[in-house]
Amino acid sequence: MRETIKLINSSGEEIIVVQIAGMIARRIVCDFKEGDKLNQGDRFGMIRFGSKVDIYLQNYNLLVKNNQNTVAGETLLAIKK
């Protein structure tokens, strides 16, 4: 199961977030609807029992490394170039 979300930041740039539930979890919870405003660090959903989230962005330098553990709402992922 997948849920794709397109976010537009205050600079008008698009950030694509894909929540991917694994074979066991199969449950994605999304707590916002189109037009809602989010602030940096806000939680907007979760995937029960783990799985993964892919984030697609342009013009940002990544601050995390491959296989690094991250914490939702706490770990800074990237910074604008």
N, C-alpha and C. Protein backbone atom coordinates (compact mmCIF):
# COMPACT_ATOMS: atom_id res chain seq x y z
N MET A 1 0.84 -1.17 0.00
CA MET A 1 0.00 0.00 0.00
C MET A 1 0.89 1.24 0.00
N ARG A 2 0.51 2.25 -0.78
CA ARG A 2 1.27 3.50 -0.89
C ARG A 2 0.35 4.69 -0.81
N GLU A 3 0.87 5.77 -0.28
CA GLU A 3 0.15 7.03 -0.32
C GLU A 3 1.16 8.10 -0.71
N THR A 4 0.88 8.82 -1.79
CA THR A 4 1.76 9.87 -2.28
C THR A 4 1.17 11.22 -1.93
N ILE A 5 2.01 12.10 -1.38
CA ILE A 5 1.58 13.41 -0.94
C ILE A 5 2.50 14.45 -1.56
N LYS A 6 1.92 15.49 -2.16
CA LYS A 6 2.71 16.59 -2.70
C LYS A 6 2.56 17.79 -1.77
N LEU A 7 3.68 18.24 -1.22
CA LEU A 7 3.70 19.41 -0.36
C LEU A 7 4.33 20.57 -1.13
N ILE A 8 3.86 21.77 -0.89
CA ILE A 8 4.45 22.96 -1.49
C ILE A 8 4.90 23.87 -0.35
N ASN A 9 6.22 24.14 -0.32
CA ASN A 9 6.74 24.95 0.79
C ASN A 9 6.50 26.43 0.54
N SER A 10 6.92 27.27 1.48
CA SER A 10 6.66 28.71 1.40
C SER A 10 7.37 29.37 0.22
N SER A 11 8.37 28.70 -0.35
CA SER A 11 9.08 29.22 -1.53
C SER A 11 8.44 28.73 -2.82
N GLY A 12 7.38 27.93 -2.72
CA GLY A 12 6.71 27.41 -3.90
C GLY A 12 7.33 26.14 -4.46
N GLU A 13 8.30 25.57 -3.75
CA GLU A 13 8.95 24.34 -4.20
C GLU A 13 8.14 23.13 -3.78
N GLU A 14 8.13 22.12 -4.65
CA GLU A 14 7.40 20.89 -4.36
C GLU A 14 8.28 19.89 -3.63
N ILE A 15 7.70 19.23 -2.65
CA ILE A 15 8.34 18.12 -1.95
C ILE A 15 7.35 16.96 -2.04
N ILE A 16 7.81 15.85 -2.56
CA ILE A 16 6.96 14.67 -2.71
C ILE A 16 7.30 13.68 -1.60
N VAL A 17 6.28 13.23 -0.89
CA VAL A 17 6.43 12.25 0.18
C VAL A 17 5.62 11.02 -0.18
N VAL A 18 6.28 9.85 -0.19
CA VAL A 18 5.59 8.60 -0.48
C VAL A 18 5.68 7.71 0.75
N GLN A 19 4.53 7.46 1.37
CA GLN A 19 4.47 6.55 2.52
C GLN A 19 4.22 5.15 1.96
N ILE A 20 5.08 4.20 2.33
CA ILE A 20 4.99 2.84 1.80
C ILE A 20 4.85 1.85 2.95
N ALA A 21 3.71 1.21 3.02
CA ALA A 21 3.47 0.20 4.06
C ALA A 21 3.98 -1.15 3.57
N GLY A 22 4.63 -1.88 4.44
CA GLY A 22 5.18 -3.18 4.10
C GLY A 22 4.11 -4.27 4.05
N MET A 23 4.55 -5.47 3.78
CA MET A 23 3.64 -6.60 3.64
C MET A 23 2.84 -6.87 4.91
N ILE A 24 3.44 -6.66 6.07
CA ILE A 24 2.76 -6.95 7.33
C ILE A 24 1.91 -5.77 7.79
N ALA A 25 2.47 -4.55 7.71
CA ALA A 25 1.78 -3.37 8.24
C ALA A 25 0.48 -3.09 7.50
N ARG A 26 0.57 -2.83 6.20
CA ARG A 26 -0.58 -2.59 5.34
C ARG A 26 -1.54 -1.52 5.85
N ARG A 27 -1.03 -0.55 6.63
CA ARG A 27 -1.92 0.49 7.13
C ARG A 27 -1.19 1.82 7.20
N ILE A 28 -1.67 2.79 6.46
CA ILE A 28 -1.11 4.13 6.46
C ILE A 28 -2.18 5.06 7.04
N VAL A 29 -1.77 5.93 7.96
CA VAL A 29 -2.68 6.91 8.55
C VAL A 29 -2.21 8.29 8.12
N CYS A 30 -3.07 9.06 7.49
CA CYS A 30 -2.74 10.42 7.05
C CYS A 30 -3.71 11.37 7.74
N ASP A 31 -3.17 12.30 8.54
CA ASP A 31 -3.99 13.15 9.39
C ASP A 31 -4.30 14.53 8.83
N PHE A 32 -4.08 14.75 7.55
CA PHE A 32 -4.41 16.07 7.00
C PHE A 32 -5.09 15.91 5.66
N LYS A 33 -5.68 17.01 5.20
CA LYS A 33 -6.38 16.97 3.92
C LYS A 33 -5.87 18.11 3.05
N GLU A 34 -6.21 18.10 1.78
CA GLU A 34 -5.76 19.11 0.84
C GLU A 34 -6.08 20.51 1.36
N GLY A 35 -5.09 21.38 1.27
CA GLY A 35 -5.26 22.76 1.71
C GLY A 35 -4.80 23.03 3.13
N ASP A 36 -4.60 21.98 3.94
CA ASP A 36 -4.11 22.17 5.31
C ASP A 36 -2.69 22.73 5.27
N LYS A 37 -2.35 23.53 6.24
CA LYS A 37 -1.00 24.10 6.36
C LYS A 37 -0.21 23.30 7.39
N LEU A 38 1.04 23.00 7.05
CA LEU A 38 1.94 22.29 7.95
C LEU A 38 3.13 23.17 8.27
N ASN A 39 3.67 23.02 9.45
CA ASN A 39 4.90 23.70 9.84
C ASN A 39 6.03 22.67 9.91
N GLN A 40 7.26 23.15 9.81
CA GLN A 40 8.40 22.27 9.91
C GLN A 40 8.33 21.47 11.20
N GLY A 41 8.49 20.16 11.11
CA GLY A 41 8.46 19.30 12.28
C GLY A 41 7.09 18.74 12.61
N ASP A 42 6.03 19.24 11.95
CA ASP A 42 4.68 18.72 12.19
C ASP A 42 4.57 17.28 11.71
N ARG A 43 3.83 16.49 12.44
CA ARG A 43 3.51 15.13 11.99
C ARG A 43 2.23 15.19 11.18
N PHE A 44 2.23 14.52 10.05
CA PHE A 44 1.03 14.54 9.21
C PHE A 44 0.49 13.15 8.94
N GLY A 45 1.10 12.16 9.53
CA GLY A 45 0.62 10.79 9.36
C GLY A 45 1.65 9.81 9.88
N MET A 46 1.32 8.55 9.74
CA MET A 46 2.27 7.51 10.15
C MET A 46 1.91 6.21 9.47
N ILE A 47 2.86 5.31 9.48
CA ILE A 47 2.64 3.97 8.96
C ILE A 47 2.72 3.04 10.15
N ARG A 48 1.67 2.32 10.39
CA ARG A 48 1.66 1.39 11.52
C ARG A 48 2.70 0.30 11.31
N PHE A 49 3.39 -0.06 12.36
CA PHE A 49 4.37 -1.15 12.37
C PHE A 49 5.53 -0.93 11.41
N GLY A 50 5.98 0.32 11.27
CA GLY A 50 7.19 0.57 10.51
C GLY A 50 6.99 0.84 9.05
N SER A 51 7.69 0.11 8.19
CA SER A 51 7.74 0.30 6.75
C SER A 51 8.63 1.48 6.42
N LYS A 52 8.33 2.28 5.37
CA LYS A 52 9.27 3.34 5.02
C LYS A 52 8.58 4.52 4.37
N VAL A 53 9.34 5.61 4.29
CA VAL A 53 8.87 6.83 3.64
C VAL A 53 9.97 7.28 2.69
N ASP A 54 9.61 7.54 1.44
CA ASP A 54 10.53 8.12 0.46
C ASP A 54 10.20 9.59 0.32
N ILE A 55 11.23 10.44 0.28
CA ILE A 55 11.04 11.88 0.13
C ILE A 55 11.84 12.34 -1.08
N TYR A 56 11.16 13.05 -1.98
CA TYR A 56 11.79 13.55 -3.19
C TYR A 56 11.79 15.07 -3.14
N LEU A 57 13.01 15.66 -3.23
CA LEU A 57 13.12 17.11 -3.23
C LEU A 57 14.28 17.54 -4.11
N GLN A 58 14.21 18.78 -4.59
CA GLN A 58 15.26 19.32 -5.44
C GLN A 58 15.85 20.55 -4.78
N ASN A 59 17.11 20.84 -5.13
CA ASN A 59 17.81 22.03 -4.64
C ASN A 59 18.04 22.01 -3.13
N TYR A 60 18.26 20.82 -2.59
CA TYR A 60 18.55 20.67 -1.16
C TYR A 60 19.80 19.79 -1.01
N ASN A 61 20.60 20.06 0.00
CA ASN A 61 21.72 19.21 0.36
C ASN A 61 21.26 18.28 1.47
N LEU A 62 21.49 16.98 1.29
CA LEU A 62 21.09 16.01 2.30
C LEU A 62 22.00 16.08 3.53
N LEU A 63 21.41 15.93 4.68
CA LEU A 63 22.16 15.93 5.94
C LEU A 63 22.21 14.53 6.54
N VAL A 64 21.46 13.59 5.98
CA VAL A 64 21.46 12.21 6.48
C VAL A 64 22.22 11.33 5.51
N LYS A 65 22.70 10.22 6.02
CA LYS A 65 23.47 9.26 5.22
C LYS A 65 22.64 8.00 5.00
N ASN A 66 23.04 7.20 4.03
CA ASN A 66 22.37 5.92 3.78
C ASN A 66 22.35 5.09 5.06
N ASN A 67 21.21 4.47 5.31
CA ASN A 67 21.00 3.57 6.45
C ASN A 67 21.07 4.25 7.81
N GLN A 68 21.07 5.58 7.86
CA GLN A 68 21.05 6.29 9.13
C GLN A 68 19.65 6.22 9.72
N ASN A 69 19.55 5.96 11.00
CA ASN A 69 18.25 5.98 11.67
C ASN A 69 17.81 7.43 11.86
N THR A 70 16.54 7.68 11.63
CA THR A 70 15.98 9.02 11.80
C THR A 70 14.77 8.93 12.72
N VAL A 71 14.43 10.07 13.33
CA VAL A 71 13.28 10.14 14.22
C VAL A 71 12.31 11.19 13.67
N ALA A 72 11.07 10.78 13.47
CA ALA A 72 10.06 11.68 12.91
C ALA A 72 9.93 12.95 13.74
N GLY A 73 9.97 14.10 13.07
CA GLY A 73 9.81 15.37 13.76
C GLY A 73 11.04 15.86 14.49
N GLU A 74 12.13 15.08 14.48
CA GLU A 74 13.34 15.47 15.19
C GLU A 74 14.58 15.55 14.30
N THR A 75 14.74 14.59 13.40
CA THR A 75 15.94 14.53 12.57
C THR A 75 15.80 15.47 11.38
N LEU A 76 16.76 16.39 11.24
CA LEU A 76 16.79 17.30 10.10
C LEU A 76 17.34 16.52 8.90
N LEU A 77 16.56 16.43 7.82
CA LEU A 77 16.92 15.61 6.67
C LEU A 77 17.75 16.34 5.63
N ALA A 78 17.43 17.60 5.36
CA ALA A 78 18.11 18.33 4.29
C ALA A 78 18.06 19.83 4.59
N ILE A 79 18.93 20.55 3.89
CA ILE A 79 18.98 22.01 4.00
C ILE A 79 19.03 22.59 2.59
N LYS A 80 18.37 23.70 2.40
CA LYS A 80 18.30 24.32 1.09
C LYS A 80 19.70 24.77 0.63
N LYS A 81 19.99 24.55 -0.66
CA LYS A 81 21.29 24.93 -1.23
C LYS A 81 21.42 26.43 -1.27
